[in-house]
N, C-alpha and C. Protein backbone atom coordinates (compact mmCIF):
# COMPACT_ATOMS: atom_id res chain seq x y z
N ALA A 1 1.00 -2.14 1.57
CA ALA A 1 1.27 -0.74 1.86
C ALA A 1 2.22 -0.61 3.06
N GLU A 2 2.03 -1.46 4.06
CA GLU A 2 2.91 -1.40 5.23
C GLU A 2 4.34 -1.78 4.85
N GLY A 3 4.45 -2.78 3.99
CA GLY A 3 5.77 -3.19 3.51
C GLY A 3 6.47 -2.07 2.76
N GLU A 4 5.70 -1.32 2.00
CA GLU A 4 6.27 -0.18 1.24
C GLU A 4 6.78 0.89 2.20
N VAL A 5 6.05 1.14 3.28
CA VAL A 5 6.50 2.10 4.29
C VAL A 5 7.83 1.64 4.89
N LEU A 6 7.90 0.37 5.23
CA LEU A 6 9.15 -0.18 5.78
C LEU A 6 10.29 -0.09 4.78
N LYS A 7 10.01 -0.44 3.54
CA LYS A 7 11.03 -0.38 2.50
C LYS A 7 11.59 1.04 2.35
N ASN A 8 10.70 2.02 2.29
CA ASN A 8 11.13 3.42 2.16
C ASN A 8 11.91 3.88 3.38
N TRP A 9 11.51 3.41 4.56
CA TRP A 9 12.23 3.76 5.78
C TRP A 9 13.65 3.19 5.72
N ILE A 10 13.78 1.94 5.32
CA ILE A 10 15.10 1.31 5.21
C ILE A 10 15.97 2.08 4.23
N ILE A 11 15.42 2.43 3.09
CA ILE A 11 16.18 3.19 2.09
C ILE A 11 16.69 4.50 2.68
N ARG A 12 15.81 5.21 3.40
CA ARG A 12 16.22 6.48 4.03
C ARG A 12 17.31 6.25 5.07
N GLU A 13 17.20 5.19 5.85
CA GLU A 13 18.15 4.92 6.92
C GLU A 13 19.53 4.55 6.39
N VAL A 14 19.59 3.84 5.28
CA VAL A 14 20.89 3.38 4.79
C VAL A 14 21.54 4.35 3.81
N SER A 15 20.78 5.28 3.26
CA SER A 15 21.28 6.15 2.20
C SER A 15 22.52 6.99 2.57
N PRO A 16 22.71 7.41 3.81
CA PRO A 16 23.89 8.23 4.09
C PRO A 16 25.22 7.47 4.05
N TYR A 17 25.18 6.15 4.00
CA TYR A 17 26.40 5.36 4.13
C TYR A 17 27.00 4.96 2.79
N SER A 18 28.25 4.49 2.85
CA SER A 18 28.95 4.00 1.65
C SER A 18 28.22 2.78 1.10
N ASP A 19 28.49 2.45 -0.15
CA ASP A 19 27.83 1.31 -0.79
C ASP A 19 28.02 0.02 0.00
N GLU A 20 29.24 -0.19 0.48
CA GLU A 20 29.52 -1.41 1.23
C GLU A 20 28.69 -1.49 2.51
N LYS A 21 28.63 -0.38 3.25
CA LYS A 21 27.86 -0.37 4.50
C LYS A 21 26.36 -0.43 4.20
N GLN A 22 25.93 0.22 3.12
CA GLN A 22 24.52 0.15 2.72
C GLN A 22 24.12 -1.30 2.50
N ASN A 23 24.94 -2.05 1.80
CA ASN A 23 24.62 -3.45 1.52
C ASN A 23 24.55 -4.27 2.80
N ARG A 24 25.48 -4.03 3.74
CA ARG A 24 25.45 -4.75 5.03
C ARG A 24 24.18 -4.40 5.81
N LEU A 25 23.86 -3.12 5.84
CA LEU A 25 22.66 -2.69 6.57
C LEU A 25 21.38 -3.24 5.92
N LYS A 26 21.31 -3.18 4.60
CA LYS A 26 20.13 -3.73 3.90
C LYS A 26 19.96 -5.21 4.22
N LYS A 27 21.08 -5.94 4.20
CA LYS A 27 21.02 -7.37 4.51
C LYS A 27 20.50 -7.59 5.93
N MET A 28 21.03 -6.80 6.87
CA MET A 28 20.60 -6.92 8.27
C MET A 28 19.11 -6.61 8.41
N PHE A 29 18.66 -5.50 7.78
CA PHE A 29 17.24 -5.13 7.86
C PHE A 29 16.37 -6.20 7.22
N ASN A 30 16.76 -6.70 6.07
CA ASN A 30 15.96 -7.72 5.40
C ASN A 30 15.87 -9.00 6.22
N GLU A 31 16.98 -9.41 6.83
CA GLU A 31 16.96 -10.59 7.69
C GLU A 31 16.04 -10.36 8.90
N SER A 32 16.10 -9.18 9.47
CA SER A 32 15.24 -8.85 10.61
C SER A 32 13.77 -8.85 10.20
N LEU A 33 13.48 -8.30 9.03
CA LEU A 33 12.10 -8.29 8.54
C LEU A 33 11.59 -9.71 8.33
N LYS A 34 12.40 -10.55 7.71
CA LYS A 34 11.99 -11.94 7.47
C LYS A 34 11.75 -12.66 8.79
N GLU A 35 12.67 -12.47 9.74
CA GLU A 35 12.52 -13.12 11.04
C GLU A 35 11.27 -12.62 11.77
N GLY A 36 11.07 -11.31 11.77
CA GLY A 36 9.89 -10.74 12.42
C GLY A 36 8.60 -11.21 11.78
N PHE A 37 8.58 -11.26 10.44
CA PHE A 37 7.39 -11.72 9.73
C PHE A 37 7.11 -13.18 10.07
N SER A 38 8.15 -13.99 10.09
CA SER A 38 8.01 -15.41 10.43
C SER A 38 7.47 -15.58 11.84
N GLN A 39 8.01 -14.81 12.78
CA GLN A 39 7.54 -14.87 14.16
C GLN A 39 6.08 -14.43 14.27
N ALA A 40 5.72 -13.39 13.53
CA ALA A 40 4.34 -12.90 13.56
C ALA A 40 3.39 -13.95 12.98
N GLN A 41 3.79 -14.57 11.88
CA GLN A 41 2.95 -15.59 11.24
C GLN A 41 2.73 -16.78 12.18
N SER A 42 3.75 -17.13 12.96
CA SER A 42 3.63 -18.29 13.86
C SER A 42 3.05 -17.91 15.22
N GLY A 43 2.79 -16.62 15.43
CA GLY A 43 2.23 -16.17 16.70
C GLY A 43 3.26 -16.05 17.81
N ASN A 44 4.53 -15.99 17.44
CA ASN A 44 5.61 -15.94 18.43
C ASN A 44 6.31 -14.59 18.51
N LEU A 45 5.76 -13.56 17.91
CA LEU A 45 6.39 -12.24 17.94
C LEU A 45 5.99 -11.53 19.23
N ALA A 46 6.96 -11.20 20.04
CA ALA A 46 6.71 -10.50 21.30
C ALA A 46 7.29 -9.09 21.20
N LEU A 47 6.42 -8.11 21.28
CA LEU A 47 6.83 -6.72 21.14
C LEU A 47 7.53 -6.18 22.39
N SER A 48 7.06 -6.57 23.55
CA SER A 48 7.59 -6.01 24.81
C SER A 48 9.10 -6.15 24.95
N PRO A 49 9.70 -7.33 24.72
CA PRO A 49 11.16 -7.40 24.87
C PRO A 49 11.90 -6.47 23.90
N LEU A 50 11.36 -6.30 22.70
CA LEU A 50 11.99 -5.41 21.72
C LEU A 50 11.93 -3.96 22.18
N VAL A 51 10.77 -3.56 22.67
CA VAL A 51 10.60 -2.18 23.14
C VAL A 51 11.44 -1.94 24.40
N ASP A 52 11.44 -2.92 25.29
CA ASP A 52 12.26 -2.79 26.51
C ASP A 52 13.73 -2.64 26.16
N ARG A 53 14.20 -3.40 25.18
CA ARG A 53 15.60 -3.32 24.76
C ARG A 53 15.91 -1.95 24.15
N LEU A 54 14.99 -1.45 23.31
CA LEU A 54 15.19 -0.12 22.73
C LEU A 54 15.21 0.94 23.83
N ALA A 55 14.34 0.80 24.81
CA ALA A 55 14.31 1.75 25.93
C ALA A 55 15.63 1.74 26.68
N GLU A 56 16.23 0.56 26.77
CA GLU A 56 17.48 0.40 27.50
C GLU A 56 18.69 0.96 26.75
N ILE A 57 18.78 0.69 25.45
CA ILE A 57 20.01 1.03 24.73
C ILE A 57 19.85 2.14 23.69
N GLY A 58 18.63 2.46 23.31
CA GLY A 58 18.42 3.41 22.23
C GLY A 58 18.63 4.85 22.64
N GLU A 59 19.13 5.62 21.70
CA GLU A 59 19.23 7.06 21.89
C GLU A 59 17.84 7.65 21.71
N LYS A 60 17.64 8.84 22.24
CA LYS A 60 16.33 9.48 22.18
C LYS A 60 15.81 9.60 20.75
N LYS A 61 16.68 9.99 19.82
CA LYS A 61 16.26 10.13 18.43
C LYS A 61 15.78 8.80 17.86
N ALA A 62 16.47 7.73 18.17
CA ALA A 62 16.08 6.40 17.67
C ALA A 62 14.70 6.00 18.22
N LYS A 63 14.43 6.38 19.46
CA LYS A 63 13.14 6.06 20.07
C LYS A 63 12.01 6.81 19.36
N TYR A 64 12.23 8.11 19.12
CA TYR A 64 11.21 8.88 18.40
C TYR A 64 11.05 8.38 16.97
N ASP A 65 12.17 8.03 16.34
CA ASP A 65 12.11 7.49 14.98
C ASP A 65 11.29 6.21 14.94
N ALA A 66 11.45 5.36 15.96
CA ALA A 66 10.70 4.10 16.01
C ALA A 66 9.20 4.36 16.11
N VAL A 67 8.82 5.32 16.95
CA VAL A 67 7.40 5.64 17.09
C VAL A 67 6.86 6.27 15.80
N GLU A 68 7.67 7.13 15.18
CA GLU A 68 7.26 7.73 13.91
C GLU A 68 7.05 6.64 12.85
N LEU A 69 7.93 5.66 12.83
CA LEU A 69 7.77 4.53 11.91
C LEU A 69 6.49 3.76 12.21
N CYS A 70 6.20 3.56 13.49
CA CYS A 70 4.96 2.88 13.88
C CYS A 70 3.73 3.63 13.36
N PHE A 71 3.73 4.96 13.51
CA PHE A 71 2.62 5.76 13.00
C PHE A 71 2.51 5.61 11.48
N GLY A 72 3.65 5.63 10.79
CA GLY A 72 3.64 5.48 9.33
C GLY A 72 3.07 4.15 8.90
N ILE A 73 3.44 3.09 9.60
CA ILE A 73 2.92 1.76 9.28
C ILE A 73 1.43 1.69 9.58
N MET A 74 1.02 2.26 10.72
CA MET A 74 -0.40 2.26 11.06
C MET A 74 -1.22 2.98 9.99
N ALA A 75 -0.69 4.08 9.48
CA ALA A 75 -1.42 4.91 8.53
C ALA A 75 -1.38 4.35 7.10
N ALA A 76 -0.55 3.34 6.87
CA ALA A 76 -0.35 2.83 5.50
C ALA A 76 -1.64 2.37 4.84
N ASP A 77 -2.55 1.82 5.62
CA ASP A 77 -3.81 1.35 5.04
C ASP A 77 -4.90 2.41 5.05
N GLY A 78 -4.56 3.62 5.55
CA GLY A 78 -5.51 4.73 5.53
C GLY A 78 -6.53 4.69 6.63
N VAL A 79 -6.37 3.80 7.61
CA VAL A 79 -7.34 3.67 8.69
C VAL A 79 -6.62 3.70 10.03
N ALA A 80 -7.21 4.40 10.97
CA ALA A 80 -6.65 4.45 12.32
C ALA A 80 -7.28 3.35 13.14
N ASP A 81 -6.61 2.22 13.25
CA ASP A 81 -7.13 1.10 14.03
C ASP A 81 -6.89 1.38 15.51
N PRO A 82 -7.94 1.31 16.33
CA PRO A 82 -7.78 1.61 17.76
C PRO A 82 -6.73 0.74 18.45
N LYS A 83 -6.64 -0.52 18.05
CA LYS A 83 -5.64 -1.40 18.67
C LYS A 83 -4.23 -0.94 18.31
N GLU A 84 -4.03 -0.54 17.07
CA GLU A 84 -2.71 -0.04 16.67
C GLU A 84 -2.37 1.24 17.41
N MET A 85 -3.33 2.13 17.55
CA MET A 85 -3.10 3.38 18.27
C MET A 85 -2.73 3.09 19.73
N ALA A 86 -3.42 2.13 20.35
CA ALA A 86 -3.13 1.79 21.74
C ALA A 86 -1.71 1.22 21.88
N ILE A 87 -1.31 0.40 20.93
CA ILE A 87 0.04 -0.18 20.97
C ILE A 87 1.08 0.93 20.82
N ILE A 88 0.86 1.84 19.88
CA ILE A 88 1.81 2.94 19.69
C ILE A 88 1.93 3.78 20.95
N HIS A 89 0.80 4.06 21.58
CA HIS A 89 0.81 4.84 22.82
C HIS A 89 1.61 4.10 23.90
N LYS A 90 1.40 2.79 24.01
CA LYS A 90 2.11 2.00 25.02
C LYS A 90 3.61 1.96 24.72
N VAL A 91 3.97 1.82 23.45
CA VAL A 91 5.38 1.83 23.06
C VAL A 91 6.02 3.16 23.46
N ALA A 92 5.37 4.26 23.11
CA ALA A 92 5.92 5.59 23.42
C ALA A 92 6.07 5.77 24.92
N ASP A 93 5.10 5.30 25.68
CA ASP A 93 5.15 5.40 27.13
C ASP A 93 6.30 4.57 27.70
N THR A 94 6.45 3.34 27.21
CA THR A 94 7.53 2.47 27.65
C THR A 94 8.90 3.06 27.33
N LEU A 95 8.98 3.74 26.19
CA LEU A 95 10.25 4.35 25.79
C LEU A 95 10.53 5.64 26.56
N GLY A 96 9.56 6.09 27.34
CA GLY A 96 9.75 7.29 28.15
C GLY A 96 9.77 8.57 27.35
N LEU A 97 9.00 8.59 26.26
CA LEU A 97 9.01 9.75 25.38
C LEU A 97 8.03 10.83 25.85
N ASP A 98 8.29 12.05 25.45
CA ASP A 98 7.44 13.19 25.76
C ASP A 98 6.12 13.01 25.01
N MET A 99 5.05 12.86 25.76
CA MET A 99 3.76 12.58 25.13
C MET A 99 3.25 13.78 24.33
N ASN A 100 3.73 14.99 24.61
CA ASN A 100 3.36 16.13 23.77
C ASN A 100 3.94 15.98 22.37
N GLU A 101 5.16 15.46 22.29
CA GLU A 101 5.77 15.20 20.98
C GLU A 101 5.05 14.07 20.25
N ILE A 102 4.65 13.06 20.99
CA ILE A 102 3.91 11.94 20.40
C ILE A 102 2.56 12.45 19.89
N GLU A 103 1.97 13.36 20.63
CA GLU A 103 0.69 13.96 20.22
C GLU A 103 0.85 14.70 18.89
N LYS A 104 1.97 15.40 18.73
CA LYS A 104 2.22 16.11 17.46
C LYS A 104 2.35 15.12 16.32
N MET A 105 3.01 14.00 16.56
CA MET A 105 3.12 12.96 15.53
C MET A 105 1.73 12.43 15.17
N ARG A 106 0.94 12.17 16.22
CA ARG A 106 -0.42 11.64 16.00
C ARG A 106 -1.25 12.62 15.17
N GLU A 107 -1.13 13.89 15.49
CA GLU A 107 -1.89 14.90 14.75
C GLU A 107 -1.46 14.96 13.29
N SER A 108 -0.19 14.81 13.04
CA SER A 108 0.30 14.81 11.67
C SER A 108 -0.31 13.65 10.88
N VAL A 109 -0.36 12.48 11.49
CA VAL A 109 -0.96 11.32 10.86
C VAL A 109 -2.46 11.54 10.70
N THR A 110 -3.08 12.15 11.71
CA THR A 110 -4.51 12.40 11.69
C THR A 110 -4.92 13.23 10.48
N LEU A 111 -4.11 14.20 10.15
CA LEU A 111 -4.42 15.07 9.02
C LEU A 111 -4.57 14.26 7.73
N ASN A 112 -3.80 13.19 7.60
CA ASN A 112 -3.85 12.36 6.40
C ASN A 112 -4.90 11.27 6.48
N LEU A 113 -5.40 10.96 7.67
CA LEU A 113 -6.35 9.86 7.81
C LEU A 113 -7.79 10.31 8.02
N SER A 114 -8.01 11.55 8.35
CA SER A 114 -9.33 11.96 8.81
C SER A 114 -10.43 11.74 7.78
N THR A 115 -10.12 11.70 6.51
CA THR A 115 -11.17 11.49 5.53
C THR A 115 -11.48 10.02 5.31
N SER A 116 -10.70 9.13 5.89
CA SER A 116 -10.92 7.71 5.65
C SER A 116 -11.34 6.95 6.91
N LEU A 117 -11.82 7.66 7.89
CA LEU A 117 -12.27 6.99 9.10
C LEU A 117 -13.51 6.16 8.82
N THR A 118 -13.54 4.98 9.39
CA THR A 118 -14.65 4.10 9.11
C THR A 118 -15.49 3.79 10.34
N SER A 119 -15.02 4.14 11.52
CA SER A 119 -15.79 3.81 12.71
C SER A 119 -15.63 4.90 13.77
N GLU A 120 -16.62 4.96 14.63
CA GLU A 120 -16.58 5.90 15.75
C GLU A 120 -15.42 5.54 16.68
N GLU A 121 -15.21 4.25 16.89
CA GLU A 121 -14.11 3.79 17.73
C GLU A 121 -12.77 4.22 17.14
N GLY A 122 -12.64 4.13 15.83
CA GLY A 122 -11.42 4.56 15.16
C GLY A 122 -11.18 6.04 15.34
N LEU A 123 -12.24 6.83 15.23
CA LEU A 123 -12.12 8.28 15.41
C LEU A 123 -11.71 8.60 16.84
N GLU A 124 -12.34 7.95 17.81
CA GLU A 124 -11.98 8.21 19.20
C GLU A 124 -10.51 7.90 19.45
N SER A 125 -10.07 6.81 18.91
CA SER A 125 -8.66 6.43 19.07
C SER A 125 -7.75 7.43 18.37
N LEU A 126 -8.15 7.84 17.18
CA LEU A 126 -7.33 8.75 16.39
C LEU A 126 -7.16 10.10 17.07
N VAL A 127 -8.18 10.58 17.74
CA VAL A 127 -8.09 11.89 18.40
C VAL A 127 -7.57 11.77 19.84
N GLY A 128 -7.22 10.55 20.26
CA GLY A 128 -6.58 10.37 21.55
C GLY A 128 -7.50 10.20 22.74
N ILE A 129 -8.73 9.76 22.50
CA ILE A 129 -9.67 9.52 23.60
C ILE A 129 -9.38 8.15 24.19
N GLU A 130 -9.27 8.10 25.51
CA GLU A 130 -9.02 6.85 26.23
C GLU A 130 -10.36 6.25 26.66
N ASP A 131 -10.48 4.94 26.53
CA ASP A 131 -11.71 4.25 26.95
C ASP A 131 -12.01 4.47 28.42
N SER A 132 -10.98 4.59 29.23
CA SER A 132 -11.16 4.69 30.67
C SER A 132 -11.67 6.06 31.13
N TRP A 133 -11.69 7.05 30.23
CA TRP A 133 -12.12 8.38 30.61
C TRP A 133 -13.63 8.43 30.86
N SER A 134 -14.03 9.38 31.71
CA SER A 134 -15.46 9.63 31.92
C SER A 134 -16.01 10.36 30.69
N ASP A 135 -17.33 10.36 30.55
CA ASP A 135 -17.94 11.08 29.44
C ASP A 135 -17.57 12.56 29.48
N GLU A 136 -17.46 13.13 30.69
CA GLU A 136 -17.11 14.54 30.82
C GLU A 136 -15.69 14.79 30.31
N GLN A 137 -14.75 13.90 30.64
CA GLN A 137 -13.38 14.04 30.14
C GLN A 137 -13.35 13.92 28.62
N LYS A 138 -14.15 13.02 28.09
CA LYS A 138 -14.20 12.83 26.64
C LYS A 138 -14.76 14.08 25.96
N LYS A 139 -15.82 14.65 26.53
CA LYS A 139 -16.39 15.87 25.95
C LYS A 139 -15.38 17.01 25.95
N LYS A 140 -14.68 17.16 27.06
CA LYS A 140 -13.68 18.22 27.16
C LYS A 140 -12.59 18.02 26.10
N HIS A 141 -12.12 16.79 25.96
CA HIS A 141 -11.08 16.50 24.97
C HIS A 141 -11.58 16.78 23.56
N ILE A 142 -12.81 16.42 23.28
CA ILE A 142 -13.39 16.67 21.94
C ILE A 142 -13.44 18.17 21.68
N ARG A 143 -13.81 18.97 22.70
CA ARG A 143 -13.84 20.44 22.53
C ARG A 143 -12.45 20.97 22.20
N VAL A 144 -11.45 20.47 22.91
CA VAL A 144 -10.06 20.91 22.67
C VAL A 144 -9.64 20.53 21.25
N GLU A 145 -9.94 19.30 20.84
CA GLU A 145 -9.60 18.84 19.50
C GLU A 145 -10.33 19.67 18.44
N PHE A 146 -11.60 19.97 18.70
CA PHE A 146 -12.38 20.76 17.74
C PHE A 146 -11.74 22.13 17.55
N GLN A 147 -11.35 22.77 18.65
CA GLN A 147 -10.71 24.08 18.58
C GLN A 147 -9.39 23.99 17.81
N LYS A 148 -8.61 22.96 18.09
CA LYS A 148 -7.33 22.77 17.42
C LYS A 148 -7.54 22.61 15.91
N TRP A 149 -8.52 21.78 15.52
CA TRP A 149 -8.76 21.54 14.10
C TRP A 149 -9.39 22.75 13.41
N SER A 150 -10.19 23.50 14.16
CA SER A 150 -10.77 24.72 13.61
C SER A 150 -9.67 25.73 13.30
N ASN A 151 -8.74 25.88 14.23
CA ASN A 151 -7.61 26.79 14.00
C ASN A 151 -6.76 26.32 12.82
N ARG A 152 -6.55 25.03 12.75
CA ARG A 152 -5.75 24.47 11.66
C ARG A 152 -6.44 24.71 10.32
N LEU A 153 -7.74 24.50 10.28
CA LEU A 153 -8.51 24.69 9.04
C LEU A 153 -8.31 26.11 8.51
N ASN A 154 -8.36 27.07 9.41
CA ASN A 154 -8.24 28.47 9.01
C ASN A 154 -6.85 28.84 8.50
N SER A 155 -5.85 28.02 8.83
CA SER A 155 -4.49 28.34 8.41
C SER A 155 -4.02 27.54 7.19
N LEU A 156 -4.82 26.57 6.76
CA LEU A 156 -4.40 25.73 5.63
C LEU A 156 -4.86 26.31 4.30
N PRO A 157 -4.04 26.17 3.28
CA PRO A 157 -4.46 26.60 1.93
C PRO A 157 -5.46 25.59 1.36
N GLU A 158 -6.17 25.98 0.33
CA GLU A 158 -7.10 25.06 -0.33
C GLU A 158 -6.35 23.81 -0.75
N GLY A 159 -7.03 22.66 -0.64
CA GLY A 159 -6.40 21.41 -1.08
C GLY A 159 -6.76 20.26 -0.16
N ASP A 160 -6.04 19.16 -0.33
CA ASP A 160 -6.35 17.93 0.40
C ASP A 160 -6.25 18.08 1.91
N GLU A 161 -5.21 18.76 2.39
CA GLU A 161 -5.06 18.90 3.84
C GLU A 161 -6.21 19.72 4.43
N ARG A 162 -6.61 20.76 3.73
CA ARG A 162 -7.73 21.58 4.22
C ARG A 162 -9.02 20.75 4.21
N ASP A 163 -9.22 19.96 3.16
CA ASP A 163 -10.40 19.09 3.09
C ASP A 163 -10.38 18.06 4.23
N SER A 164 -9.20 17.54 4.54
CA SER A 164 -9.07 16.59 5.65
C SER A 164 -9.39 17.26 6.98
N ALA A 165 -8.93 18.47 7.16
CA ALA A 165 -9.22 19.20 8.40
C ALA A 165 -10.73 19.46 8.52
N GLN A 166 -11.37 19.81 7.42
CA GLN A 166 -12.82 20.03 7.44
C GLN A 166 -13.55 18.73 7.77
N SER A 167 -13.09 17.63 7.20
CA SER A 167 -13.67 16.33 7.48
C SER A 167 -13.52 15.97 8.96
N MET A 168 -12.35 16.29 9.51
CA MET A 168 -12.12 16.01 10.93
C MET A 168 -13.08 16.82 11.79
N LEU A 169 -13.31 18.07 11.45
CA LEU A 169 -14.26 18.88 12.21
C LEU A 169 -15.66 18.27 12.16
N GLU A 170 -16.06 17.80 11.00
CA GLU A 170 -17.37 17.16 10.87
C GLU A 170 -17.44 15.88 11.70
N ASN A 171 -16.37 15.09 11.67
CA ASN A 171 -16.33 13.87 12.47
C ASN A 171 -16.36 14.17 13.97
N LEU A 172 -15.65 15.21 14.39
CA LEU A 172 -15.65 15.60 15.80
C LEU A 172 -17.03 16.09 16.22
N SER A 173 -17.73 16.80 15.35
CA SER A 173 -19.09 17.24 15.66
C SER A 173 -20.02 16.06 15.87
N SER A 174 -19.88 15.05 15.02
CA SER A 174 -20.69 13.85 15.17
C SER A 174 -20.35 13.12 16.47
N LEU A 175 -19.06 13.06 16.78
CA LEU A 175 -18.63 12.38 17.98
C LEU A 175 -19.11 13.13 19.22
N LYS A 176 -19.12 14.45 19.16
CA LYS A 176 -19.58 15.26 20.30
C LYS A 176 -21.02 14.93 20.64
N LYS A 177 -21.84 14.71 19.62
CA LYS A 177 -23.26 14.39 19.83
C LYS A 177 -23.43 13.11 20.65
N LYS A 178 -22.48 12.19 20.53
CA LYS A 178 -22.55 10.93 21.27
C LYS A 178 -22.52 11.17 22.77
N TYR A 179 -21.80 12.22 23.20
CA TYR A 179 -21.62 12.47 24.62
C TYR A 179 -22.48 13.62 25.16
N ASP A 180 -23.29 14.21 24.32
CA ASP A 180 -24.18 15.30 24.76
C ASP A 180 -25.46 14.73 25.37
């Protein structure tokens, strides 16, 4: 599923160009994917130098696009893994991005993942709760998230997104009990 997300992203990125440039770009992306996969398999893939380089030379749009791609890859398996969420947050922070915009991206992904949460830790990560926060900070954040999802539920038409919002409210209620 993650490979499919990458494939679709590559297709979108190269589509505006001429056939000749599309082929060059596809070749470059495919070589990069193979190299990255090989490095990951051997345990030699280092994310920090890549993110630092993007922070140094990338335009703002490219930085947001990279984080959006990260969210898409994370969501490909339908589960919000806390480690993946932490990495995405660190990447966005390193890139110097507006965390309010990153929060909007996270919420968009959340709408599609809320019915497939498998752990309390995953839910906490998905709604943006930091491990380092006090219980009081966590409760306050859960209240804010509950209000946000309640408002969203009331504005959505019947269907999958509304069902996901309802599921998120139920999950937030369960999570709130943990800190009461």
